[in-house]
Protein backbone atom coordinates (compact mmCIF):
# COMPACT_ATOMS: atom_id res chain seq x y z
CA MET A 1 4.10 75.89 -34.80
CA THR A 2 3.91 72.21 -34.22
CA GLU A 3 6.31 71.10 -36.50
CA LYS A 4 9.38 69.48 -34.88
CA PRO A 5 12.47 70.81 -36.45
CA PRO A 6 14.84 68.08 -37.84
CA ALA A 7 17.63 67.46 -36.49
CA PRO A 8 20.17 69.61 -38.18
CA GLU A 9 22.90 67.37 -40.17
CA THR A 10 26.33 68.63 -39.83
CA SER A 11 28.71 70.40 -42.61
CA PRO A 12 30.24 69.30 -45.53
CA ALA A 13 33.26 69.76 -43.78
CA PRO A 14 34.10 73.26 -44.47
CA GLU A 15 43.08 65.05 -45.73
CA THR A 16 45.54 63.06 -45.40
CA ALA A 17 43.59 60.58 -42.81
CA PRO A 18 43.02 62.53 -39.50
CA ALA A 19 45.00 60.65 -36.93
CA PRO A 20 43.08 59.16 -33.62
CA ALA A 21 41.51 62.12 -31.23
CA PRO A 22 42.92 62.15 -28.08
CA GLU A 23 40.59 60.09 -25.64
CA THR A 24 40.29 63.45 -22.82
CA ALA A 25 39.36 67.09 -24.24
CA PRO A 26 40.41 69.76 -22.87
CA ALA A 27 37.12 71.89 -21.28
CA PHE A 28 35.99 74.66 -22.69
CA GLU A 29 36.81 78.28 -21.92
CA THR A 30 33.96 79.68 -19.60
CA ALA A 31 31.35 80.86 -21.98
CA PRO A 32 30.45 85.09 -21.81
CA VAL A 33 27.97 85.45 -19.02
CA PRO A 34 25.41 88.49 -20.08
CA THR A 35 24.84 91.44 -18.18
CA PRO A 36 22.30 91.34 -15.37
CA GLY A 37 19.17 93.02 -16.62
CA LEU A 38 19.58 91.83 -20.53
CA ALA A 39 17.16 89.55 -22.25
CA PRO A 40 18.44 86.12 -22.03
CA VAL A 41 20.39 84.66 -24.88
CA PRO A 42 17.77 83.81 -27.55
CA GLU A 43 17.47 80.28 -28.04
CA LEU A 44 19.67 78.98 -30.89
CA PHE A 45 19.14 76.09 -33.38
CA THR A 46 15.12 75.82 -33.17
CA TRP A 47 12.62 75.62 -35.91
CA GLU A 48 11.70 78.87 -35.15
CA PHE A 49 15.12 80.07 -35.45
CA ALA A 50 15.78 78.16 -38.69
CA THR A 51 13.09 80.70 -39.76
CA ASP A 52 14.42 83.50 -38.89
CA PRO A 53 18.17 83.54 -37.32
CA TYR A 54 18.59 87.16 -37.70
CA PRO A 55 17.49 88.42 -34.69
CA ALA A 56 19.40 86.02 -32.59
CA TYR A 57 22.40 86.90 -34.64
CA ALA A 58 22.19 90.20 -33.95
CA TRP A 59 21.75 89.96 -30.05
CA LEU A 60 24.81 87.53 -30.19
CA ARG A 61 26.93 89.99 -32.18
CA GLU A 62 25.69 92.92 -29.56
CA HIS A 63 26.39 90.88 -26.49
CA ALA A 64 28.08 87.58 -27.05
CA PRO A 65 30.18 88.12 -30.14
CA VAL A 66 32.20 85.08 -29.44
CA TYR A 67 29.77 82.58 -27.56
CA ARG A 68 29.86 79.02 -27.43
CA ALA A 69 27.21 77.27 -28.04
CA GLN A 70 26.02 73.24 -27.46
CA LEU A 71 24.91 72.43 -31.00
CA PRO A 72 22.31 69.81 -31.71
CA SER A 73 24.66 66.94 -32.22
CA GLY A 74 25.94 67.65 -28.23
CA VAL A 75 29.27 69.25 -29.98
CA GLU A 76 30.15 72.35 -28.57
CA ALA A 77 31.53 75.05 -30.60
CA TRP A 78 32.12 79.10 -30.54
CA LEU A 79 30.18 80.67 -32.52
CA VAL A 80 31.92 84.13 -34.64
CA THR A 81 29.22 86.46 -35.60
CA ARG A 82 30.64 89.58 -36.00
CA TYR A 83 32.12 90.74 -39.40
CA GLY A 84 36.01 92.16 -38.35
CA ASP A 85 36.35 88.86 -36.38
CA ALA A 86 34.52 86.38 -38.50
CA ARG A 87 37.13 87.73 -41.14
CA ALA A 88 40.08 87.77 -39.03
CA ALA A 89 39.19 84.25 -37.91
CA LEU A 90 38.90 83.13 -41.52
CA ALA A 91 42.67 83.89 -42.36
CA ASP A 92 44.21 82.89 -38.75
CA ALA A 93 46.50 80.04 -39.87
CA ARG A 94 46.04 78.90 -36.03
CA LEU A 95 42.33 77.52 -37.07
CA SER A 96 43.09 74.54 -38.68
CA LYS A 97 40.36 72.83 -41.47
CA ASN A 98 42.05 69.58 -40.27
CA PRO A 99 39.59 67.11 -37.54
CA VAL A 100 42.67 65.64 -36.26
CA HIS A 101 42.93 68.84 -34.19
CA HIS A 102 39.09 68.79 -32.53
CA ALA A 103 39.85 67.81 -29.05
CA GLU A 104 36.84 65.73 -28.89
CA ALA A 105 36.39 62.11 -31.05
CA ALA A 106 33.11 64.00 -32.60
CA HIS A 107 34.35 64.01 -36.15
CA ALA A 108 34.72 60.03 -35.76
CA LYS A 109 31.53 59.64 -34.32
CA GLY A 110 29.77 61.63 -37.18
CA LYS A 111 29.27 64.62 -35.28
CA THR A 112 30.79 67.02 -37.54
CA GLY A 113 31.65 66.37 -41.45
CA ILE A 114 29.98 64.70 -43.87
CA PRO A 115 28.29 61.25 -42.78
CA GLY A 116 29.93 58.72 -44.57
CA GLU A 117 32.94 60.63 -45.65
CA ARG A 118 35.30 58.83 -43.30
CA ASN A 119 34.48 55.30 -44.40
CA ALA A 120 34.54 56.37 -47.43
CA ASP A 121 37.80 57.31 -48.21
CA LEU A 122 36.84 61.12 -49.46
CA MET A 123 38.78 63.41 -46.10
CA THR A 124 41.56 64.21 -48.82
CA HIS A 125 39.98 67.26 -50.02
CA LEU A 126 40.25 71.08 -49.92
CA LEU A 127 37.82 71.25 -47.16
CA ASN A 128 39.88 69.29 -44.62
CA ILE A 129 43.01 70.44 -45.23
CA ASP A 130 45.67 72.77 -44.45
CA PRO A 131 48.97 73.84 -45.96
CA PRO A 132 51.12 72.97 -47.44
CA ASP A 133 48.90 69.92 -48.30
CA HIS A 134 45.77 72.13 -49.48
CA THR A 135 48.57 74.63 -51.47
CA ARG A 136 48.98 71.46 -53.68
CA LEU A 137 45.80 70.11 -54.06
CA ARG A 138 44.19 73.67 -54.53
CA ARG A 139 47.31 74.66 -57.04
CA LEU A 140 46.71 71.07 -58.95
CA VAL A 141 42.51 71.67 -58.90
CA SER A 142 42.83 75.16 -59.83
CA LYS A 143 44.85 74.00 -63.02
CA ALA A 144 40.94 72.23 -64.27
CA PHE A 145 38.79 74.60 -62.86
CA THR A 146 39.87 78.35 -64.18
CA PRO A 147 37.82 81.42 -64.72
CA ARG A 148 38.44 80.77 -68.52
CA ARG A 149 36.97 77.17 -68.37
CA VAL A 150 33.58 78.73 -66.41
CA ALA A 151 33.17 81.29 -69.22
CA GLU A 152 33.22 79.02 -71.72
CA PHE A 153 30.51 76.84 -69.75
CA ALA A 154 27.99 79.40 -69.61
CA PRO A 155 26.00 78.67 -72.93
CA ARG A 156 25.61 75.00 -71.43
CA VAL A 157 24.67 76.63 -68.02
CA GLN A 158 22.18 78.37 -70.51
CA GLN A 159 20.80 75.46 -72.27
CA LEU A 160 20.16 73.54 -69.25
CA THR A 161 18.17 76.35 -67.40
CA ASP A 162 16.20 76.86 -70.44
CA ARG A 163 15.37 73.18 -70.52
CA LEU A 164 14.27 73.43 -67.35
CA ILE A 165 12.09 76.30 -67.33
CA ASP A 166 10.05 74.83 -70.29
CA GLY A 167 9.69 71.37 -68.53
CA PHE A 168 7.10 73.51 -66.46
CA ALA A 169 6.53 77.05 -67.83
CA ALA A 170 2.93 75.38 -69.61
CA GLU A 171 1.48 74.36 -66.27
CA GLY A 172 1.31 77.91 -64.47
CA GLU A 173 2.93 76.58 -61.17
CA ALA A 174 6.09 75.00 -60.48
CA ASP A 175 7.81 74.41 -57.06
CA LEU A 176 11.57 76.40 -57.76
CA ILE A 177 13.47 74.20 -55.33
CA HIS A 178 12.73 70.72 -56.59
CA ASP A 179 11.62 71.28 -60.46
CA PHE A 180 14.69 74.73 -60.90
CA ALA A 181 16.98 75.40 -58.31
CA PHE A 182 18.15 71.57 -57.62
CA PRO A 183 18.40 69.82 -60.79
CA LEU A 184 20.10 73.14 -62.44
CA PRO A 185 23.38 72.94 -60.84
CA ILE A 186 23.48 69.35 -60.77
CA TYR A 187 23.47 68.48 -64.29
CA ALA A 188 25.72 71.44 -64.48
CA ILE A 189 28.17 70.22 -62.42
CA CYS A 190 27.89 66.75 -63.60
CA ASP A 191 28.13 68.31 -66.95
CA LEU A 192 31.46 70.00 -65.67
CA LEU A 193 32.99 66.73 -63.44
CA GLY A 194 32.21 64.44 -67.07
CA VAL A 195 29.34 62.34 -65.89
CA PRO A 196 27.78 60.51 -68.74
CA ALA A 197 24.14 61.86 -69.47
CA GLU A 198 22.59 58.44 -68.80
CA ASP A 199 24.46 58.76 -65.38
CA GLN A 200 23.07 62.39 -64.65
CA ASP A 201 19.98 60.81 -63.24
CA ASP A 202 21.62 58.59 -60.27
CA PHE A 203 23.45 61.92 -59.07
CA ARG A 204 20.61 63.95 -58.75
CA ASP A 205 18.68 60.95 -56.60
CA TRP A 206 21.97 60.43 -54.76
CA ALA A 207 22.71 64.31 -54.39
CA GLY A 208 19.06 64.26 -52.97
CA MET A 209 19.44 62.06 -50.44
CA MET A 210 22.36 63.82 -49.69
CA ILE A 211 20.53 67.41 -48.88
CA ARG A 212 17.51 65.91 -47.42
CA HIS A 213 18.29 66.45 -44.13
CA GLY A 214 15.43 65.44 -41.67
CA GLY A 215 13.83 63.75 -45.02
CA GLY A 216 15.66 60.12 -44.14
CA PRO A 217 17.72 58.39 -41.64
CA ARG A 218 21.70 59.92 -41.37
CA GLY A 219 22.55 55.73 -42.49
CA GLY A 220 20.65 57.30 -45.96
CA VAL A 221 23.01 59.79 -46.18
CA ALA A 222 26.00 58.26 -45.26
CA ARG A 223 25.14 55.06 -48.20
CA SER A 224 24.60 58.18 -50.56
CA VAL A 225 28.08 59.42 -50.37
CA LYS A 226 29.68 55.64 -50.35
CA LYS A 227 27.52 55.27 -53.87
CA ILE A 228 28.87 58.52 -55.07
CA ARG A 229 32.39 57.09 -53.96
CA GLY A 230 31.96 54.13 -55.80
CA TYR A 231 30.89 55.69 -59.23
CA LEU A 232 33.24 58.65 -59.13
CA ALA A 233 36.50 55.72 -58.76
CA GLU A 234 34.88 53.81 -61.24
CA LEU A 235 34.87 56.90 -63.81
CA ILE A 236 38.23 57.93 -62.59
CA HIS A 237 39.34 54.92 -63.52
CA ARG A 238 37.69 55.06 -67.20
CA LYS A 239 38.73 58.31 -67.62
CA ARG A 240 42.68 57.50 -67.04
CA GLU A 241 41.98 55.23 -69.96
CA ASN A 242 39.97 57.73 -72.41
CA PRO A 243 39.84 61.43 -71.21
CA GLY A 244 38.12 63.38 -72.13
CA ASP A 245 37.33 67.33 -72.35
CA ASP A 246 35.92 67.63 -69.13
CA LEU A 247 37.47 67.96 -64.82
CA ILE A 248 37.67 64.64 -63.73
CA SER A 249 39.71 64.17 -66.97
CA GLY A 250 41.44 67.39 -66.06
CA LEU A 251 41.91 66.08 -62.23
CA VAL A 252 43.48 62.92 -63.63
CA ARG A 253 46.14 64.56 -65.88
CA ALA A 254 46.93 67.90 -63.27
CA SER A 255 50.13 67.71 -62.16
CA ASP A 256 52.14 69.84 -60.38
CA ASP A 257 56.14 69.58 -61.13
CA GLY A 258 55.58 65.95 -62.17
CA GLU A 259 53.56 65.71 -58.92
CA HIS A 260 49.93 63.88 -59.46
CA LEU A 261 46.52 63.68 -58.01
CA SER A 262 46.59 60.26 -56.20
CA GLU A 263 43.32 58.10 -57.22
CA ASN A 264 41.48 59.03 -53.14
CA GLU A 265 42.74 62.74 -53.82
CA ALA A 266 41.29 62.99 -57.51
CA ALA A 267 38.08 61.39 -55.98
CA ALA A 268 37.66 63.33 -53.21
CA MET A 269 38.21 66.75 -54.79
CA ALA A 270 35.64 65.63 -57.79
CA PHE A 271 33.35 64.70 -54.46
CA ILE A 272 33.42 67.94 -52.75
CA ILE A 273 33.10 69.77 -56.00
CA LEU A 274 30.12 68.40 -56.34
CA PHE A 275 28.46 68.56 -52.93
CA ALA A 276 29.46 71.92 -51.83
CA GLY A 277 29.06 73.36 -55.61
CA PHE A 278 25.61 72.01 -55.82
CA GLU A 279 23.70 72.77 -52.60
CA THR A 280 25.60 76.59 -52.43
CA THR A 281 24.01 77.03 -55.69
CA VAL A 282 20.20 75.21 -54.95
CA ASN A 283 20.18 78.03 -52.24
CA LEU A 284 21.20 80.73 -54.01
CA ILE A 285 18.83 80.17 -56.17
CA GLY A 286 15.67 79.46 -53.79
CA ASN A 287 17.20 81.89 -51.16
CA GLY A 288 17.67 84.31 -53.41
CA VAL A 289 13.95 84.22 -55.65
CA HIS A 290 12.54 83.72 -51.85
CA THR A 291 13.70 87.23 -50.58
CA LEU A 292 13.08 89.11 -53.94
CA MET A 293 9.49 87.92 -53.76
CA ARG A 294 9.64 89.44 -50.26
CA HIS A 295 11.06 92.52 -51.44
CA PRO A 296 8.16 93.55 -54.54
CA GLU A 297 10.18 96.90 -55.14
CA GLN A 298 13.50 95.15 -55.42
CA LEU A 299 12.14 92.66 -58.00
CA ALA A 300 10.49 95.06 -60.02
CA ARG A 301 13.52 97.28 -60.27
CA LEU A 302 15.73 94.47 -61.04
CA GLN A 303 13.10 93.58 -63.69
CA ARG A 304 12.97 96.68 -65.40
CA SER A 305 16.73 96.57 -65.61
CA LEU A 306 16.31 93.01 -67.14
CA ASP A 307 14.15 94.15 -69.66
CA ALA A 308 16.56 96.94 -70.87
CA GLY A 309 18.92 94.88 -71.36
CA GLU A 310 20.99 96.18 -68.52
CA THR A 311 23.48 93.27 -66.57
CA GLU A 312 24.78 95.64 -64.15
CA LEU A 313 22.10 95.49 -61.48
CA LEU A 314 22.10 91.77 -61.75
CA ALA A 315 25.30 91.20 -60.62
CA THR A 316 25.81 93.46 -57.81
CA GLY A 317 22.21 92.01 -57.41
CA VAL A 318 23.39 88.01 -56.91
CA GLU A 319 26.24 89.58 -54.67
CA GLU A 320 23.90 91.65 -52.49
CA LEU A 321 21.55 88.22 -52.20
CA LEU A 322 24.61 86.45 -51.01
CA ARG A 323 24.97 88.92 -48.59
CA HIS A 324 21.28 89.53 -47.22
CA ASP A 325 20.38 85.67 -47.17
CA GLY A 326 23.20 83.53 -48.50
CA PRO A 327 23.22 79.85 -48.99
CA VAL A 328 25.88 79.20 -46.28
CA GLU A 329 25.10 80.33 -42.96
CA LEU A 330 28.00 79.09 -41.02
CA ALA A 331 31.66 78.31 -42.57
CA THR A 332 32.55 74.73 -42.07
CA TRP A 333 34.84 73.61 -38.91
CA ARG A 334 37.36 75.15 -37.78
CA TYR A 335 39.91 74.02 -35.03
CA ALA A 336 42.31 76.06 -32.68
CA THR A 337 45.68 74.99 -32.97
CA GLU A 338 47.07 76.68 -30.42
CA PRO A 339 45.15 78.97 -28.02
CA VAL A 340 43.20 81.67 -30.07
CA THR A 341 41.65 85.25 -28.71
CA LEU A 342 38.90 86.52 -30.75
CA GLY A 343 36.18 89.15 -29.89
CA GLY A 344 37.73 89.32 -26.28
CA GLN A 345 37.40 85.58 -25.46
CA ARG A 346 40.14 83.16 -25.65
CA ILE A 347 39.48 79.90 -27.63
CA ALA A 348 41.82 76.63 -26.27
CA VAL A 349 43.45 73.88 -27.84
CA GLY A 350 41.41 71.79 -29.79
CA ASP A 351 38.30 74.12 -29.17
CA PRO A 352 35.85 74.04 -32.25
CA VAL A 353 35.25 77.38 -33.92
CA LEU A 354 32.27 78.18 -36.14
CA VAL A 355 32.29 81.11 -38.48
CA VAL A 356 28.55 82.61 -38.48
CA LEU A 357 28.51 84.33 -42.03
CA ALA A 358 25.09 85.03 -41.73
CA ALA A 359 25.47 87.42 -38.68
CA ALA A 360 28.90 89.02 -39.98
CA ASP A 361 27.39 89.70 -43.86
CA ARG A 362 24.76 91.73 -41.46
CA ASP A 363 27.06 93.40 -38.82
CA PRO A 364 26.14 97.09 -38.99
CA GLU A 365 29.74 97.77 -38.08
CA ARG A 366 30.61 97.02 -41.83
CA PHE A 367 27.59 97.45 -43.79
CA ALA A 368 25.20 100.09 -43.95
CA SER A 369 21.42 99.19 -43.21
CA PRO A 370 22.49 95.40 -43.14
CA ASP A 371 18.66 94.73 -42.67
CA THR A 372 18.20 96.42 -45.98
CA LEU A 373 17.96 94.84 -49.31
CA ASP A 374 19.48 97.00 -51.96
CA LEU A 375 20.28 95.01 -54.98
CA ALA A 376 23.00 98.52 -56.24
CA ARG A 377 24.99 98.21 -53.10
CA ARG A 378 28.44 98.80 -53.65
CA ASP A 379 30.38 98.70 -50.98
CA ASN A 380 29.51 95.22 -50.55
CA GLN A 381 32.81 92.49 -49.45
CA HIS A 382 30.32 90.04 -47.81
CA LEU A 383 32.00 86.33 -46.42
CA GLY A 384 29.16 84.47 -48.77
CA TYR A 385 32.14 82.84 -50.13
CA GLY A 386 34.36 82.21 -47.69
CA HIS A 387 38.03 84.43 -47.36
CA GLY A 388 41.79 83.68 -47.00
CA ILE A 389 43.03 80.55 -48.35
CA HIS A 390 39.57 78.69 -48.18
CA TYR A 391 38.03 80.87 -50.18
CA CYS A 392 35.03 79.08 -52.61
CA LEU A 393 36.84 77.99 -55.72
CA GLY A 394 33.54 77.25 -57.18
CA ALA A 395 32.05 80.87 -56.45
CA PRO A 396 32.60 81.84 -60.17
CA LEU A 397 30.90 78.69 -61.38
CA ALA A 398 27.97 79.61 -58.54
CA ARG A 399 27.78 82.95 -59.53
CA LEU A 400 27.26 81.86 -63.32
CA GLU A 401 24.89 79.86 -62.48
CA GLY A 402 22.56 82.60 -60.09
CA GLN A 403 23.17 85.34 -62.56
CA THR A 404 21.54 82.73 -65.37
CA ALA A 405 19.01 81.30 -63.44
CA LEU A 406 17.78 84.88 -62.25
CA ALA A 407 17.91 86.51 -65.39
CA SER A 408 15.96 84.08 -67.25
CA LEU A 409 13.19 82.83 -64.73
CA LEU A 410 12.06 87.14 -63.94
CA THR A 411 12.28 87.52 -68.11
CA ARG A 412 10.40 84.35 -69.02
CA LEU A 413 8.20 84.49 -65.52
CA PRO A 414 7.11 87.92 -65.04
CA ASP A 415 4.42 87.65 -62.89
CA VAL A 416 6.16 84.44 -60.88
CA ARG A 417 4.85 84.92 -57.21
CA LEU A 418 4.93 82.75 -53.84
CA ALA A 419 1.71 80.69 -54.13
CA VAL A 420 1.64 79.91 -50.71
CA ASP A 421 1.41 82.08 -47.41
CA PRO A 422 4.79 82.67 -46.49
CA ALA A 423 4.65 81.27 -42.62
CA ASP A 424 4.24 78.21 -44.32
CA LEU A 425 7.46 77.74 -45.88
CA ARG A 426 9.85 75.32 -44.40
CA TRP A 427 13.79 75.47 -44.23
CA ARG A 428 15.80 72.57 -44.52
CA GLY A 429 17.56 71.98 -40.74
CA GLY A 430 21.23 72.02 -41.69
CA LEU A 431 24.02 73.13 -39.55
CA ILE A 432 25.87 74.82 -42.32
CA MET A 433 23.51 75.38 -45.19
CA ARG A 434 20.49 77.69 -45.05
CA GLY A 435 18.31 76.65 -47.96
CA LEU A 436 14.13 76.34 -48.22
CA ARG A 437 12.92 72.86 -48.65
CA THR A 438 10.57 74.06 -50.92
CA LEU A 439 9.26 77.01 -53.11
CA PRO A 440 5.84 76.99 -54.40
CA VAL A 441 5.04 79.95 -57.09
CA GLN A 442 2.53 80.36 -59.57
CA PHE A 443 2.39 82.30 -62.69
CA THR A 444 0.80 83.17 -66.06
CA PRO A 445 1.48 79.69 -68.45
CA LEU A 446 3.49 80.18 -71.35
CA SER A 447 1.90 78.51 -74.74
CA GLY A 448 4.31 76.67 -76.93
């Protein structure tokens, strides 16, 4: 391939403002050395790797399950690829989410976290903090983001889904990322947050810049973050004066023993719900449809189940799509606060750790025939939405959106098919997320 891969963006970092990092950093422990006679370590983070990272992850799982890699940003981090190690790392309190514990000043230089995050006062969110602050904020936010609220939101998700499909159903072709997978969670989360309808297209534009890895300069991403932060501050002020039945009003009202979220905390929480919530769902829908098209027998099986009015295979199928080629490739950043041993490797204080969810969820030690797509898979405790205290708060909403989107698309457009050679598809160059840039499809146009 001649196209050069875009430089991967760094994560929506997976709060109190961090103190300055130490000027000097301890050296990494020695990286694993492959056994003589083995093939060399696969090249990571190239364009070819982004297209299909799973063979490289299989090699790492077998030969170097906790491997020190240099990322495209220049930051060095330990990649954890086996399921058992990954699950342990995700729940290990010695691996902090707070960038203050990074041994290098990489976060301050924009090499980790969301571009513009620090300068925009958006650090105080659940993915960047540890207990007790994490416990307090998650408890407060959970009061405004409950499963009951998600269930009540289901009719609105269906309405948005139908409206988007109506917009292209008569054309006989569409880009399922641009026309469907991207706008659905944006509009859904805007509704959930309480963003007025007249402002939602602005949000769509800002969000598009944030995930358009390689589509513009990082400065453009940071500017979008700042625009969102400014808008959220204004919206929070309005909601304090005129609260409604929406998530931002709930964040404003949320309290625990009389303790309220500060304005910065409320803005940061609304921001991370928007950022982390919409991109994971974009990729769940896009990757899910792409995976089904590559497995026509499984696609036909799901369509038969939907035609029969069944929902069980849809539910287990979404979980399998999350496991097989999920929206989050690596969990967000963690930093060792004391020496930690994982997979036989000693991780020094200050070292960054990235748990590779995509590798762990295809570990043959945990999943039978892990490279096989089986929509009816039962024993499927995948790590697609994390594990432990940082388990994704928005997972119920993402599952609802994923199930609604797939069921509606496959029912209304039953002959939907890929419109280009699969080799022509391009994946976004992000480090944390895994998703397609476009997904061109064709189908029989619907009249009326």
